[in-house]
């Protein structure tokens, strides 16, 4: 349901609450609000700026993916970042100018290029993960260890089931299972 509070929150770059998402599933509404909160460039940009970070959210995402998955072609990086080749080229140029990534020929196909982290890039990427750790620590600072453990276990189960379900959906779409 659209309301004045939601409109004001949205226009100020703030995430909406679960009440703003018209899903029948309360869980999906809450997940949507969380994803919007943590994945909105404006919000993340403001947090990063106040933290003193010189890299923007797109740079952080690229560093995170390159550290987690290793070297990749620009097209693969564009795919995981959910953006186009021209935007990835800009990100790579910025990171390359900062000495955080380097380009090299793909050993499997010399015509293709791989983007890899430099030693400084690996250090910067670990810093990105450290910021994430600080973010979640602040969220959970008033939770009991038992609540954190229970939520972590349920989240791990949810992710496993979501991955398995996504695999099934990739085969049949959202048609009912038989």
Protein backbone atom coordinates (compact mmCIF):
# COMPACT_ATOMS: atom_id res chain seq x y z
CA UNK A 1 0.00 0.00 0.00
CA UNK A 2 1.35 3.40 -0.99
CA UNK A 3 1.40 5.99 1.78
CA UNK A 4 2.95 9.35 2.55
CA UNK A 5 5.53 7.82 4.89
CA UNK A 6 6.66 5.46 2.13
CA UNK A 7 6.78 8.23 -0.46
CA UNK A 8 8.89 10.42 1.82
CA UNK A 9 11.20 7.52 2.71
CA UNK A 10 11.66 6.61 -0.94
CA UNK A 11 12.29 10.14 -2.15
CA UNK A 12 14.92 10.58 0.56
CA UNK A 13 16.79 7.49 -0.66
CA UNK A 14 15.69 5.34 2.27
CA UNK A 15 14.56 1.76 1.93
CA UNK A 16 10.90 0.95 2.16
CA UNK A 17 9.44 -1.23 4.87
CA UNK A 18 7.96 -4.67 4.27
CA UNK A 19 4.50 -3.06 4.44
CA UNK A 20 5.22 -1.32 1.13
CA UNK A 21 5.45 -4.61 -0.79
CA UNK A 22 2.09 -6.15 -1.72
CA UNK A 23 3.20 -9.79 -1.48
CA UNK A 24 0.93 -12.24 0.29
CA UNK A 25 4.09 -13.70 1.84
CA UNK A 26 5.24 -11.62 4.79
CA UNK A 27 8.64 -13.32 4.51
CA UNK A 28 9.04 -12.23 0.88
CA UNK A 29 8.01 -8.68 1.78
CA UNK A 30 10.66 -8.54 4.50
CA UNK A 31 13.31 -10.03 2.20
CA UNK A 32 12.40 -7.46 -0.47
CA UNK A 33 12.82 -4.61 2.01
CA UNK A 34 16.20 -6.01 3.11
CA UNK A 35 17.45 -6.46 -0.46
CA UNK A 36 16.36 -2.94 -1.35
CA UNK A 37 18.08 -1.57 1.75
CA UNK A 38 21.39 -3.32 1.15
CA UNK A 39 21.46 -3.21 -2.62
CA UNK A 40 20.41 0.36 -3.35
CA UNK A 41 23.37 2.31 -4.76
CA UNK A 42 22.20 5.60 -3.19
CA UNK A 43 22.04 4.12 0.31
CA UNK A 44 25.24 2.15 -0.02
CA UNK A 45 26.97 5.18 -1.56
CA UNK A 46 25.98 7.36 1.41
CA UNK A 47 27.19 4.73 3.88
CA UNK A 48 30.47 4.31 2.01
CA UNK A 49 31.03 8.07 1.79
CA UNK A 50 30.45 8.51 5.54
CA UNK A 51 32.84 5.62 6.14
CA UNK A 52 35.54 7.43 4.18
CA UNK A 53 35.59 4.96 1.30
CA UNK A 54 36.86 6.27 -2.01
CA UNK A 55 35.45 3.36 -4.03
CA UNK A 56 31.79 3.31 -4.97
CA UNK A 57 29.30 0.46 -4.63
CA UNK A 58 29.91 -0.85 -8.17
CA UNK A 59 33.65 -1.01 -7.51
CA UNK A 60 32.98 -2.82 -4.22
CA UNK A 61 30.77 -5.37 -5.96
CA UNK A 62 33.39 -6.03 -8.62
CA UNK A 63 36.12 -6.50 -6.01
CA UNK A 64 33.89 -8.84 -3.95
CA UNK A 65 33.09 -11.03 -6.95
CA UNK A 66 36.67 -11.16 -8.21
CA UNK A 67 37.96 -12.20 -4.78
CA UNK A 68 35.22 -14.82 -4.33
CA UNK A 69 35.29 -16.31 -7.85
CA UNK A 70 38.71 -15.42 -9.19
CA UNK A 71 39.65 -13.96 -12.56
CA UNK A 72 36.86 -13.58 -15.07
CA UNK A 73 36.13 -12.21 -18.48
CA UNK A 74 34.50 -8.77 -18.63
CA UNK A 75 31.31 -10.34 -20.00
CA UNK A 76 31.11 -12.69 -17.01
CA UNK A 77 31.75 -9.79 -14.63
CA UNK A 78 28.98 -7.80 -16.34
CA UNK A 79 26.63 -10.73 -15.89
CA UNK A 80 27.27 -11.16 -12.16
CA UNK A 81 27.05 -7.41 -11.61
CA UNK A 82 23.81 -7.26 -13.57
CA UNK A 83 25.02 -4.52 -15.87
CA UNK A 84 26.24 -3.96 -19.40
CA UNK A 85 29.65 -4.21 -20.99
CA UNK A 86 30.15 -0.44 -21.20
CA UNK A 87 29.52 0.00 -17.47
CA UNK A 88 31.91 -2.86 -16.64
CA UNK A 89 34.54 -1.23 -18.87
CA UNK A 90 34.25 1.95 -16.80
CA UNK A 91 34.49 0.01 -13.53
CA UNK A 92 37.52 -1.95 -14.75
CA UNK A 93 39.24 1.23 -16.00
CA UNK A 94 38.76 2.90 -12.58
CA UNK A 95 39.99 -0.16 -10.70
CA UNK A 96 42.90 -0.57 -13.13
CA UNK A 97 43.88 3.10 -12.67
CA UNK A 98 43.88 2.53 -8.90
CA UNK A 99 46.12 -0.53 -9.34
CA UNK A 100 43.46 -2.92 -8.02
CA UNK A 101 42.88 -5.04 -11.14
CA UNK A 102 44.86 -6.03 -14.18
CA UNK A 103 43.97 -7.38 -17.59
CA UNK A 104 45.61 -10.42 -19.11
CA UNK A 105 45.01 -12.81 -21.96
CA UNK A 106 42.76 -15.76 -21.16
CA UNK A 107 45.02 -18.86 -21.32
CA UNK A 108 42.11 -20.88 -22.77
CA UNK A 109 41.48 -18.33 -25.52
CA UNK A 110 44.23 -15.80 -26.21
CA UNK A 111 41.76 -13.50 -27.97
CA UNK A 112 39.77 -13.03 -24.73
CA UNK A 113 40.72 -10.89 -21.76
CA UNK A 114 40.61 -11.82 -18.09
CA UNK A 115 40.21 -9.33 -15.27
CA UNK A 116 42.20 -10.27 -12.15
CA UNK A 117 42.84 -8.69 -8.79
CA UNK A 118 46.33 -7.40 -8.09
CA UNK A 119 47.85 -7.87 -4.64
CA UNK A 120 46.48 -4.42 -3.74
CA UNK A 121 43.13 -5.41 -5.20
CA UNK A 122 42.99 -8.52 -3.00
CA UNK A 123 43.72 -6.37 0.03
CA UNK A 124 41.01 -3.88 -1.00
CA UNK A 125 38.53 -6.71 -1.61
CA UNK A 126 39.23 -8.13 1.85
CA UNK A 127 38.48 -4.63 3.14
CA UNK A 128 35.12 -4.75 1.36
CA UNK A 129 34.32 -8.01 3.14
CA UNK A 130 35.46 -6.44 6.43
CA UNK A 131 32.96 -3.61 5.88
CA UNK A 132 30.24 -6.22 5.37
CA UNK A 133 31.29 -7.92 8.59
CA UNK A 134 31.06 -4.56 10.39
CA UNK A 135 27.64 -3.94 8.89
CA UNK A 136 26.20 -7.27 10.03
CA UNK A 137 27.86 -6.96 13.45
CA UNK A 138 26.09 -3.64 13.97
CA UNK A 139 22.75 -5.12 12.91
CA UNK A 140 23.16 -8.04 15.32
CA UNK A 141 24.84 -6.21 18.22
CA UNK A 142 21.76 -6.54 20.47
CA UNK A 143 20.99 -10.14 19.52
CA UNK A 144 21.85 -13.01 21.81
CA UNK A 145 24.40 -15.54 20.55
CA UNK A 146 21.62 -18.15 20.54
CA UNK A 147 19.42 -15.96 18.31
CA UNK A 148 22.32 -15.30 15.93
CA UNK A 149 23.07 -19.03 15.74
CA UNK A 150 19.41 -19.96 15.16
CA UNK A 151 18.92 -17.25 12.50
CA UNK A 152 22.16 -18.26 10.77
CA UNK A 153 21.10 -21.91 10.65
CA UNK A 154 17.65 -21.04 9.30
CA UNK A 155 19.15 -18.67 6.73
CA UNK A 156 21.59 -21.35 5.57
CA UNK A 157 18.69 -23.77 5.17
CA UNK A 158 16.65 -21.12 3.34
CA UNK A 159 19.53 -20.44 0.92
CA UNK A 160 20.06 -24.16 0.22
CA UNK A 161 16.36 -24.61 -0.49
CA UNK A 162 16.23 -21.43 -2.60
CA UNK A 163 19.15 -22.66 -4.74
CA UNK A 164 17.53 -26.05 -5.23
CA UNK A 165 14.22 -24.38 -6.08
CA UNK A 166 15.91 -21.99 -8.53
CA UNK A 167 17.45 -24.98 -10.30
CA UNK A 168 13.98 -26.51 -10.67
CA UNK A 169 12.51 -23.18 -11.81
CA UNK A 170 15.22 -22.85 -14.46
CA UNK A 171 13.99 -26.16 -15.89
CA UNK A 172 10.23 -25.52 -15.80
CA UNK A 173 9.68 -21.83 -15.07
CA UNK A 174 7.07 -21.07 -12.45
CA UNK A 175 4.69 -23.78 -13.57
CA UNK A 176 3.39 -25.94 -10.72
CA UNK A 177 5.59 -28.93 -9.99
CA UNK A 178 4.11 -32.34 -10.76
